[in-house]
Amino acid sequence: VAGWMKDAGFVDVSAQEYRMPYWKGAAQEMGRPELREVADLLVGDPDGMFYHAFPKTVEGLDMGKEKIEELRRQMMRCLGEERGKFQTYWVVTGRKPE
């Protein structure tokens, strides 16, 4: 994404990587109490928003109900809590030159 922003003419482009622990109790184990609420939220409801939003996300892609259910099962395996597992987020910022 940073490269695309530079190609589009943005300047002072920077990319930051953030890693969020993906197991309950991770914030305490890591000595990072500020992560507790976010980490617990990520792990606390794996079959909530993502599970129910998925069919809407693929709407119009001509996926049958069986394919959607298969992908939901795969998603649940990937979103399962696991000690030492992290989700990585990238934040890219830049500004348009004046």
PDB file of N, CA and C in Angstrom:
ATOM      1  N   VAL A   1       0.828  -1.190   0.000  1.00  0.00           N
ATOM      2  CA  VAL A   1       0.000   0.000   0.000  1.00  0.00           C
ATOM      3  C   VAL A   1       0.871   1.251   0.000  1.00  0.00           C
ATOM      4  N   ALA A   2       1.971   1.219   0.745  1.00  0.00           N
ATOM      5  CA  ALA A   2       2.853   2.387   0.786  1.00  0.00           C
ATOM      6  C   ALA A   2       3.357   2.727  -0.610  1.00  0.00           C
ATOM      7  N   GLY A   3       3.702   1.703  -1.373  1.00  0.00           N
ATOM      8  CA  GLY A   3       4.168   1.923  -2.742  1.00  0.00           C
ATOM      9  C   GLY A   3       3.108   2.551  -3.622  1.00  0.00           C
ATOM     10  N   TRP A   4       1.883   2.101  -3.480  1.00  0.00           N
ATOM     11  CA  TRP A   4       0.776   2.675  -4.259  1.00  0.00           C
ATOM     12  C   TRP A   4       0.568   4.139  -3.894  1.00  0.00           C
ATOM     13  N   MET A   5       0.683   4.443  -2.598  1.00  0.00           N
ATOM     14  CA  MET A   5       0.523   5.840  -2.181  1.00  0.00           C
ATOM     15  C   MET A   5       1.625   6.709  -2.771  1.00  0.00           C
ATOM     16  N   LYS A   6       2.857   6.201  -2.761  1.00  0.00           N
ATOM     17  CA  LYS A   6       3.963   6.960  -3.352  1.00  0.00           C
ATOM     18  C   LYS A   6       3.739   7.132  -4.845  1.00  0.00           C
ATOM     19  N   ASP A   7       3.305   6.064  -5.515  1.00  0.00           N
ATOM     20  CA  ASP A   7       3.023   6.145  -6.947  1.00  0.00           C
ATOM     21  C   ASP A   7       1.933   7.170  -7.248  1.00  0.00           C
ATOM     22  N   ALA A   8       1.001   7.337  -6.313  1.00  0.00           N
ATOM     23  CA  ALA A   8      -0.102   8.287  -6.496  1.00  0.00           C
ATOM     24  C   ALA A   8       0.317   9.717  -6.145  1.00  0.00           C
ATOM     25  N   GLY A   9       1.564   9.900  -5.707  1.00  0.00           N
ATOM     26  CA  GLY A   9       2.063  11.233  -5.446  1.00  0.00           C
ATOM     27  C   GLY A   9       2.082  11.658  -3.989  1.00  0.00           C
ATOM     28  N   PHE A  10       1.730  10.767  -3.080  1.00  0.00           N
ATOM     29  CA  PHE A  10       1.792  11.115  -1.663  1.00  0.00           C
ATOM     30  C   PHE A  10       3.249  11.213  -1.221  1.00  0.00           C
ATOM     31  N   VAL A  11       3.486  12.061  -0.238  1.00  0.00           N
ATOM     32  CA  VAL A  11       4.832  12.227   0.315  1.00  0.00           C
ATOM     33  C   VAL A  11       4.798  11.903   1.800  1.00  0.00           C
ATOM     34  N   ASP A  12       5.967  11.770   2.390  1.00  0.00           N
ATOM     35  CA  ASP A  12       6.090  11.427   3.813  1.00  0.00           C
ATOM     36  C   ASP A  12       5.269  10.182   4.146  1.00  0.00           C
ATOM     37  N   VAL A  13       5.362   9.205   3.279  1.00  0.00           N
ATOM     38  CA  VAL A  13       4.618   7.956   3.459  1.00  0.00           C
ATOM     39  C   VAL A  13       5.356   7.084   4.466  1.00  0.00           C
ATOM     40  N   SER A  14       4.611   6.567   5.421  1.00  0.00           N
ATOM     41  CA  SER A  14       5.218   5.639   6.379  1.00  0.00           C
ATOM     42  C   SER A  14       4.255   4.490   6.635  1.00  0.00           C
ATOM     43  N   ALA A  15       4.832   3.361   6.940  1.00  0.00           N
ATOM     44  CA  ALA A  15       4.035   2.168   7.225  1.00  0.00           C
ATOM     45  C   ALA A  15       4.429   1.646   8.602  1.00  0.00           C
ATOM     46  N   GLN A  16       3.433   1.361   9.412  1.00  0.00           N
ATOM     47  CA  GLN A  16       3.645   0.819  10.746  1.00  0.00           C
ATOM     48  C   GLN A  16       2.950  -0.531  10.862  1.00  0.00           C
ATOM     49  N   GLU A  17       3.647  -1.481  11.406  1.00  0.00           N
ATOM     50  CA  GLU A  17       3.083  -2.806  11.641  1.00  0.00           C
ATOM     51  C   GLU A  17       2.681  -2.913  13.113  1.00  0.00           C
ATOM     52  N   TYR A  18       1.469  -3.400  13.352  1.00  0.00           N
ATOM     53  CA  TYR A  18       0.992  -3.647  14.709  1.00  0.00           C
ATOM     54  C   TYR A  18       0.606  -5.115  14.818  1.00  0.00           C
ATOM     55  N   ARG A  19       1.040  -5.743  15.887  1.00  0.00           N
ATOM     56  CA  ARG A  19       0.716  -7.157  16.113  1.00  0.00           C
ATOM     57  C   ARG A  19      -0.128  -7.260  17.368  1.00  0.00           C
ATOM     58  N   MET A  20      -1.325  -7.810  17.221  1.00  0.00           N
ATOM     59  CA  MET A  20      -2.226  -7.978  18.350  1.00  0.00           C
ATOM     60  C   MET A  20      -2.235  -9.445  18.752  1.00  0.00           C
ATOM     61  N   PRO A  21      -2.021  -9.722  20.036  1.00  0.00           N
ATOM     62  CA  PRO A  21      -2.060 -11.113  20.492  1.00  0.00           C
ATOM     63  C   PRO A  21      -3.461 -11.688  20.316  1.00  0.00           C
ATOM     64  N   TYR A  22      -3.519 -12.977  20.023  1.00  0.00           N
ATOM     65  CA  TYR A  22      -4.796 -13.617  19.724  1.00  0.00           C
ATOM     66  C   TYR A  22      -5.047 -14.799  20.656  1.00  0.00           C
ATOM     67  N   TRP A  23      -4.876 -14.546  21.962  1.00  0.00           N
ATOM     68  CA  TRP A  23      -5.252 -15.551  22.960  1.00  0.00           C
ATOM     69  C   TRP A  23      -5.584 -14.816  24.245  1.00  0.00           C
ATOM     70  N   LYS A  24      -6.585 -15.337  24.959  1.00  0.00           N
ATOM     71  CA  LYS A  24      -6.988 -14.698  26.220  1.00  0.00           C
ATOM     72  C   LYS A  24      -5.845 -14.776  27.219  1.00  0.00           C
ATOM     73  N   GLY A  25      -5.649 -13.709  27.943  1.00  0.00           N
ATOM     74  CA  GLY A  25      -4.574 -13.659  28.918  1.00  0.00           C
ATOM     75  C   GLY A  25      -3.249 -13.207  28.328  1.00  0.00           C
ATOM     76  N   ALA A  26      -3.198 -12.955  27.031  1.00  0.00           N
ATOM     77  CA  ALA A  26      -1.946 -12.580  26.378  1.00  0.00           C
ATOM     78  C   ALA A  26      -1.399 -11.263  26.912  1.00  0.00           C
ATOM     79  N   ALA A  27      -2.280 -10.290  27.123  1.00  0.00           N
ATOM     80  CA  ALA A  27      -1.817  -8.984  27.587  1.00  0.00           C
ATOM     81  C   ALA A  27      -1.091  -9.112  28.918  1.00  0.00           C
ATOM     82  N   GLN A  28      -1.635  -9.908  29.811  1.00  0.00           N
ATOM     83  CA  GLN A  28      -1.001 -10.103  31.120  1.00  0.00           C
ATOM     84  C   GLN A  28       0.325 -10.846  30.960  1.00  0.00           C
ATOM     85  N   GLU A  29       0.332 -11.904  30.157  1.00  0.00           N
ATOM     86  CA  GLU A  29       1.560 -12.681  29.946  1.00  0.00           C
ATOM     87  C   GLU A  29       2.665 -11.823  29.336  1.00  0.00           C
ATOM     88  N   MET A  30       2.267 -10.897  28.459  1.00  0.00           N
ATOM     89  CA  MET A  30       3.236 -10.056  27.762  1.00  0.00           C
ATOM     90  C   MET A  30       3.601  -8.807  28.561  1.00  0.00           C
ATOM     91  N   GLY A  31       2.933  -8.600  29.697  1.00  0.00           N
ATOM     92  CA  GLY A  31       3.185  -7.396  30.477  1.00  0.00           C
ATOM     93  C   GLY A  31       2.691  -6.143  29.790  1.00  0.00           C
ATOM     94  N   ARG A  32       1.623  -6.283  29.011  1.00  0.00           N
ATOM     95  CA  ARG A  32       1.062  -5.160  28.251  1.00  0.00           C
ATOM     96  C   ARG A  32      -0.419  -4.997  28.592  1.00  0.00           C
ATOM     97  N   PRO A  33      -0.739  -4.491  29.782  1.00  0.00           N
ATOM     98  CA  PRO A  33      -2.133  -4.414  30.206  1.00  0.00           C
ATOM     99  C   PRO A  33      -3.022  -3.592  29.280  1.00  0.00           C
ATOM    100  N   GLU A  34      -2.436  -2.666  28.535  1.00  0.00           N
ATOM    101  CA  GLU A  34      -3.245  -1.843  27.629  1.00  0.00           C
ATOM    102  C   GLU A  34      -3.839  -2.662  26.471  1.00  0.00           C
ATOM    103  N   LEU A  35      -3.305  -3.838  26.220  1.00  0.00           N
ATOM    104  CA  LEU A  35      -3.808  -4.695  25.139  1.00  0.00           C
ATOM    105  C   LEU A  35      -4.961  -5.607  25.574  1.00  0.00           C
ATOM    106  N   ARG A  36      -5.209  -5.687  26.883  1.00  0.00           N
ATOM    107  CA  ARG A  36      -6.176  -6.658  27.393  1.00  0.00           C
ATOM    108  C   ARG A  36      -7.542  -6.531  26.742  1.00  0.00           C
ATOM    109  N   GLU A  37      -8.099  -5.334  26.723  1.00  0.00           N
ATOM    110  CA  GLU A  37      -9.460  -5.161  26.215  1.00  0.00           C
ATOM    111  C   GLU A  37      -9.561  -5.523  24.734  1.00  0.00           C
ATOM    112  N   VAL A  38      -8.612  -5.072  23.942  1.00  0.00           N
ATOM    113  CA  VAL A  38      -8.642  -5.359  22.506  1.00  0.00           C
ATOM    114  C   VAL A  38      -8.404  -6.840  22.239  1.00  0.00           C
ATOM    115  N   ALA A  39      -7.424  -7.426  22.896  1.00  0.00           N
ATOM    116  CA  ALA A  39      -7.127  -8.847  22.686  1.00  0.00           C
ATOM    117  C   ALA A  39      -8.313  -9.713  23.100  1.00  0.00           C
ATOM    118  N   ASP A  40      -8.913  -9.393  24.242  1.00  0.00           N
ATOM    119  CA  ASP A  40     -10.068 -10.173  24.685  1.00  0.00           C
ATOM    120  C   ASP A  40     -11.251 -10.006  23.745  1.00  0.00           C
ATOM    121  N   LEU A  41     -11.420  -8.816  23.173  1.00  0.00           N
ATOM    122  CA  LEU A  41     -12.502  -8.589  22.208  1.00  0.00           C
ATOM    123  C   LEU A  41     -12.276  -9.407  20.939  1.00  0.00           C
ATOM    124  N   LEU A  42     -11.049  -9.414  20.442  1.00  0.00           N
ATOM    125  CA  LEU A  42     -10.744 -10.181  19.232  1.00  0.00           C
ATOM    126  C   LEU A  42     -11.048 -11.661  19.417  1.00  0.00           C
ATOM    127  N   VAL A  43     -10.668 -12.197  20.561  1.00  0.00           N
ATOM    128  CA  VAL A  43     -10.799 -13.626  20.811  1.00  0.00           C
ATOM    129  C   VAL A  43     -12.178 -13.972  21.349  1.00  0.00           C
ATOM    130  N   GLY A  44     -12.837 -13.016  21.986  1.00  0.00           N
ATOM    131  CA  GLY A  44     -14.058 -13.300  22.717  1.00  0.00           C
ATOM    132  C   GLY A  44     -15.260 -13.700  21.907  1.00  0.00           C
ATOM    133  N   ASP A  45     -15.320 -13.355  20.629  1.00  0.00           N
ATOM    134  CA  ASP A  45     -16.525 -13.624  19.853  1.00  0.00           C
ATOM    135  C   ASP A  45     -16.179 -14.019  18.421  1.00  0.00           C
ATOM    136  N   PRO A  46     -15.418 -15.099  18.228  1.00  0.00           N
ATOM    137  CA  PRO A  46     -14.970 -15.436  16.869  1.00  0.00           C
ATOM    138  C   PRO A  46     -16.105 -15.794  15.924  1.00  0.00           C
ATOM    139  N   ASP A  47     -17.218 -16.255  16.448  1.00  0.00           N
ATOM    140  CA  ASP A  47     -18.322 -16.609  15.548  1.00  0.00           C
ATOM    141  C   ASP A  47     -19.380 -15.517  15.509  1.00  0.00           C
ATOM    142  N   GLY A  48     -19.042 -14.343  15.967  1.00  0.00           N
ATOM    143  CA  GLY A  48     -19.978 -13.226  15.980  1.00  0.00           C
ATOM    144  C   GLY A  48     -19.989 -12.487  14.666  1.00  0.00           C
ATOM    145  N   MET A  49     -19.372 -11.325  14.648  1.00  0.00           N
ATOM    146  CA  MET A  49     -19.445 -10.429  13.502  1.00  0.00           C
ATOM    147  C   MET A  49     -18.945 -11.073  12.206  1.00  0.00           C
ATOM    148  N   PHE A  50     -17.760 -11.672  12.243  1.00  0.00           N
ATOM    149  CA  PHE A  50     -17.198 -12.238  11.011  1.00  0.00           C
ATOM    150  C   PHE A  50     -18.082 -13.345  10.457  1.00  0.00           C
ATOM    151  N   TYR A  51     -18.553 -14.208  11.334  1.00  0.00           N
ATOM    152  CA  TYR A  51     -19.367 -15.348  10.907  1.00  0.00           C
ATOM    153  C   TYR A  51     -20.642 -14.882  10.218  1.00  0.00           C
ATOM    154  N   HIS A  52     -21.295 -13.895  10.796  1.00  0.00           N
ATOM    155  CA  HIS A  52     -22.568 -13.442  10.241  1.00  0.00           C
ATOM    156  C   HIS A  52     -22.407 -12.468   9.081  1.00  0.00           C
ATOM    157  N   ALA A  53     -21.274 -11.761   9.027  1.00  0.00           N
ATOM    158  CA  ALA A  53     -21.041 -10.808   7.950  1.00  0.00           C
ATOM    159  C   ALA A  53     -20.544 -11.482   6.678  1.00  0.00           C
ATOM    160  N   PHE A  54     -19.996 -12.671   6.804  1.00  0.00           N
ATOM    161  CA  PHE A  54     -19.376 -13.328   5.652  1.00  0.00           C
ATOM    162  C   PHE A  54     -20.320 -13.506   4.459  1.00  0.00           C
ATOM    163  N   PRO A  55     -21.541 -14.030   4.646  1.00  0.00           N
ATOM    164  CA  PRO A  55     -22.423 -14.191   3.479  1.00  0.00           C
ATOM    165  C   PRO A  55     -22.687 -12.880   2.740  1.00  0.00           C
ATOM    166  N   LYS A  56     -22.806 -11.779   3.464  1.00  0.00           N
ATOM    167  CA  LYS A  56     -23.017 -10.478   2.820  1.00  0.00           C
ATOM    168  C   LYS A  56     -21.772 -10.046   2.049  1.00  0.00           C
ATOM    169  N   THR A  57     -20.607 -10.395   2.582  1.00  0.00           N
ATOM    170  CA  THR A  57     -19.348 -10.020   1.948  1.00  0.00           C
ATOM    171  C   THR A  57     -19.194 -10.665   0.582  1.00  0.00           C
ATOM    172  N   VAL A  58     -19.660 -11.901   0.447  1.00  0.00           N
ATOM    173  CA  VAL A  58     -19.497 -12.623  -0.821  1.00  0.00           C
ATOM    174  C   VAL A  58     -20.761 -12.589  -1.682  1.00  0.00           C
ATOM    175  N   GLU A  59     -21.741 -11.820  -1.245  1.00  0.00           N
ATOM    176  CA  GLU A  59     -22.987 -11.706  -2.010  1.00  0.00           C
ATOM    177  C   GLU A  59     -22.674 -11.250  -3.434  1.00  0.00           C
ATOM    178  N   GLY A  60     -23.280 -11.886  -4.400  1.00  0.00           N
ATOM    179  CA  GLY A  60     -23.056 -11.523  -5.789  1.00  0.00           C
ATOM    180  C   GLY A  60     -21.918 -12.287  -6.438  1.00  0.00           C
ATOM    181  N   LEU A  61     -21.226 -13.138  -5.681  1.00  0.00           N
ATOM    182  CA  LEU A  61     -20.117 -13.912  -6.241  1.00  0.00           C
ATOM    183  C   LEU A  61     -20.562 -15.309  -6.663  1.00  0.00           C
ATOM    184  N   ASP A  62     -21.846 -15.534  -6.651  1.00  0.00           N
ATOM    185  CA  ASP A  62     -22.430 -16.800  -7.098  1.00  0.00           C
ATOM    186  C   ASP A  62     -21.880 -17.995  -6.317  1.00  0.00           C
ATOM    187  N   MET A  63     -21.808 -17.844  -4.996  1.00  0.00           N
ATOM    188  CA  MET A  63     -21.398 -18.949  -4.136  1.00  0.00           C
ATOM    189  C   MET A  63     -22.656 -19.589  -3.572  1.00  0.00           C
ATOM    190  N   GLY A  64     -22.714 -20.876  -3.641  1.00  0.00           N
ATOM    191  CA  GLY A  64     -23.842 -21.584  -3.071  1.00  0.00           C
ATOM    192  C   GLY A  64     -23.738 -21.661  -1.561  1.00  0.00           C
ATOM    193  N   LYS A  65     -24.832 -22.083  -0.943  1.00  0.00           N
ATOM    194  CA  LYS A  65     -24.880 -22.182   0.518  1.00  0.00           C
ATOM    195  C   LYS A  65     -23.812 -23.148   1.044  1.00  0.00           C
ATOM    196  N   GLU A  66     -23.586 -24.274   0.324  1.00  0.00           N
ATOM    197  CA  GLU A  66     -22.585 -25.252   0.768  1.00  0.00           C
ATOM    198  C   GLU A  66     -21.180 -24.650   0.762  1.00  0.00           C
ATOM    199  N   LYS A  67     -20.852 -23.887  -0.270  1.00  0.00           N
ATOM    200  CA  LYS A  67     -19.526 -23.259  -0.357  1.00  0.00           C
ATOM    201  C   LYS A  67     -19.348 -22.235   0.763  1.00  0.00           C
ATOM    202  N   ILE A  68     -20.393 -21.451   1.034  1.00  0.00           N
ATOM    203  CA  ILE A  68     -20.324 -20.466   2.112  1.00  0.00           C
ATOM    204  C   ILE A  68     -20.107 -21.162   3.450  1.00  0.00           C
ATOM    205  N   GLU A  69     -20.803 -22.262   3.688  1.00  0.00           N
ATOM    206  CA  GLU A  69     -20.628 -22.994   4.953  1.00  0.00           C
ATOM    207  C   GLU A  69     -19.231 -23.586   5.066  1.00  0.00           C
ATOM    208  N   GLU A  70     -18.694 -24.076   3.956  1.00  0.00           N
ATOM    209  CA  GLU A  70     -17.326 -24.608   3.958  1.00  0.00           C
ATOM    210  C   GLU A  70     -16.325 -23.501   4.305  1.00  0.00           C
ATOM    211  N   LEU A  71     -16.495 -22.330   3.704  1.00  0.00           N
ATOM    212  CA  LEU A  71     -15.597 -21.214   3.984  1.00  0.00           C
ATOM    213  C   LEU A  71     -15.751 -20.723   5.412  1.00  0.00           C
ATOM    214  N   ARG A  72     -16.969 -20.762   5.943  1.00  0.00           N
ATOM    215  CA  ARG A  72     -17.182 -20.388   7.345  1.00  0.00           C
ATOM    216  C   ARG A  72     -16.425 -21.337   8.287  1.00  0.00           C
ATOM    217  N   ARG A  73     -16.461 -22.629   7.984  1.00  0.00           N
ATOM    218  CA  ARG A  73     -15.726 -23.596   8.817  1.00  0.00           C
ATOM    219  C   ARG A  73     -14.228 -23.311   8.779  1.00  0.00           C
ATOM    220  N   GLN A  74     -13.708 -23.029   7.590  1.00  0.00           N
ATOM    221  CA  GLN A  74     -12.285 -22.700   7.465  1.00  0.00           C
ATOM    222  C   GLN A  74     -11.952 -21.428   8.239  1.00  0.00           C
ATOM    223  N   MET A  75     -12.845 -20.444   8.147  1.00  0.00           N
ATOM    224  CA  MET A  75     -12.646 -19.185   8.843  1.00  0.00           C
ATOM    225  C   MET A  75     -12.603 -19.409  10.351  1.00  0.00           C
ATOM    226  N   MET A  76     -13.481 -20.260  10.865  1.00  0.00           N
ATOM    227  CA  MET A  76     -13.521 -20.516  12.299  1.00  0.00           C
ATOM    228  C   MET A  76     -12.229 -21.176  12.773  1.00  0.00           C
ATOM    229  N   ARG A  77     -11.651 -22.058  11.940  1.00  0.00           N
ATOM    230  CA  ARG A  77     -10.362 -22.655  12.294  1.00  0.00           C
ATOM    231  C   ARG A  77      -9.272 -21.581  12.351  1.00  0.00           C
ATOM    232  N   CYS A  78      -9.280 -20.683  11.376  1.00  0.00           N
ATOM    233  CA  CYS A  78      -8.261 -19.627  11.337  1.00  0.00           C
ATOM    234  C   CYS A  78      -8.417 -18.632  12.470  1.00  0.00           C
ATOM    235  N   LEU A  79      -9.654 -18.375  12.891  1.00  0.00           N
ATOM    236  CA  LEU A  79      -9.899 -17.386  13.939  1.00  0.00           C
ATOM    237  C   LEU A  79      -9.861 -17.988  15.339  1.00  0.00           C
ATOM    238  N   GLY A  80      -9.537 -19.256  15.435  1.00  0.00           N
ATOM    239  CA  GLY A  80      -9.497 -19.895  16.744  1.00  0.00           C
ATOM    240  C   GLY A  80      -8.371 -19.367  17.612  1.00  0.00           C
ATOM    241  N   GLU A  81      -8.646 -19.288  18.902  1.00  0.00           N
ATOM    242  CA  GLU A  81      -7.652 -18.810  19.863  1.00  0.00           C
ATOM    243  C   GLU A  81      -6.485 -19.792  19.937  1.00  0.00           C
ATOM    244  N   GLU A  82      -5.276 -19.248  20.010  1.00  0.00           N
ATOM    245  CA  GLU A  82      -4.090 -20.098  20.070  1.00  0.00           C
ATOM    246  C   GLU A  82      -2.949 -19.301  20.707  1.00  0.00           C
ATOM    247  N   ARG A  83      -2.371 -19.840  21.756  1.00  0.00           N
ATOM    248  CA  ARG A  83      -1.264 -19.163  22.441  1.00  0.00           C
ATOM    249  C   ARG A  83      -0.126 -18.927  21.438  1.00  0.00           C
ATOM    250  N   GLY A  84       0.393 -17.707  21.442  1.00  0.00           N
ATOM    251  CA  GLY A  84       1.481 -17.343  20.539  1.00  0.00           C
ATOM    252  C   GLY A  84       1.019 -16.863  19.171  1.00  0.00           C
ATOM    253  N   LYS A  85      -0.291 -16.821  18.958  1.00  0.00           N
ATOM    254  CA  LYS A  85      -0.839 -16.392  17.665  1.00  0.00           C
ATOM    255  C   LYS A  85      -1.091 -14.879  17.698  1.00  0.00           C
ATOM    256  N   PHE A  86      -0.777 -14.207  16.605  1.00  0.00           N
ATOM    257  CA  PHE A  86      -0.976 -12.764  16.506  1.00  0.00           C
ATOM    258  C   PHE A  86      -1.727 -12.439  15.228  1.00  0.00           C
ATOM    259  N   GLN A  87      -2.481 -11.352  15.275  1.00  0.00           N
ATOM    260  CA  GLN A  87      -3.036 -10.772  14.052  1.00  0.00           C
ATOM    261  C   GLN A  87      -2.179  -9.556  13.745  1.00  0.00           C
ATOM    262  N   THR A  88      -1.793  -9.406  12.498  1.00  0.00           N
ATOM    263  CA  THR A  88      -0.947  -8.297  12.092  1.00  0.00           C
ATOM    264  C   THR A  88      -1.779  -7.272  11.341  1.00  0.00           C
ATOM    265  N   TYR A  89      -1.642  -6.030  11.730  1.00  0.00           N
ATOM    266  CA  TYR A  89      -2.324  -4.915  11.077  1.00  0.00           C
ATOM    267  C   TYR A  89      -1.267  -3.936  10.591  1.00  0.00           C
ATOM    268  N   TRP A  90      -1.493  -3.393   9.417  1.00  0.00           N
ATOM    269  CA  TRP A  90      -0.601  -2.373   8.885  1.00  0.00           C
ATOM    270  C   TRP A  90      -1.373  -1.062   8.791  1.00  0.00           C
ATOM    271  N   VAL A  91      -0.742   0.017   9.220  1.00  0.00           N
ATOM    272  CA  VAL A  91      -1.306   1.352   9.080  1.00  0.00           C
ATOM    273  C   VAL A  91      -0.327   2.153   8.226  1.00  0.00           C
ATOM    274  N   VAL A  92      -0.828   2.656   7.116  1.00  0.00           N
ATOM    275  CA  VAL A  92       0.003   3.423   6.195  1.00  0.00           C
ATOM    276  C   VAL A  92      -0.541   4.844   6.141  1.00  0.00           C
ATOM    277  N   THR A  93       0.335   5.800   6.365  1.00  0.00           N
ATOM    278  CA  THR A  93      -0.080   7.208   6.324  1.00  0.00           C
ATOM    279  C   THR A  93       0.820   7.968   5.358  1.00  0.00           C
ATOM    280  N   GLY A  94       0.301   9.063   4.875  1.00  0.00           N
ATOM    281  CA  GLY A  94       1.059   9.944   3.987  1.00  0.00           C
ATOM    282  C   GLY A  94       0.265  11.222   3.825  1.00  0.00           C
ATOM    283  N   ARG A  95       0.840  12.146   3.106  1.00  0.00           N
ATOM    284  CA  ARG A  95       0.113  13.392   2.853  1.00  0.00           C
ATOM    285  C   ARG A  95       0.286  13.798   1.407  1.00  0.00           C
ATOM    286  N   LYS A  96      -0.715  14.502   0.929  1.00  0.00           N
ATOM    287  CA  LYS A  96      -0.635  15.037  -0.430  1.00  0.00           C
ATOM    288  C   LYS A  96       0.262  16.262  -0.409  1.00  0.00           C
ATOM    289  N   PRO A  97       1.128  16.386  -1.395  1.00  0.00           N
ATOM    290  CA  PRO A  97       1.963  17.593  -1.427  1.00  0.00           C
ATOM    291  C   PRO A  97       1.094  18.818  -1.736  1.00  0.00           C
ATOM    292  N   GLU A  98       1.533  19.937  -1.246  1.00  0.00           N
ATOM    293  CA  GLU A  98       0.748  21.155  -1.449  1.00  0.00           C
ATOM    294  C   GLU A  98       1.014  21.776  -2.778  1.00  0.00           C
TER     295      GLU A  98
END
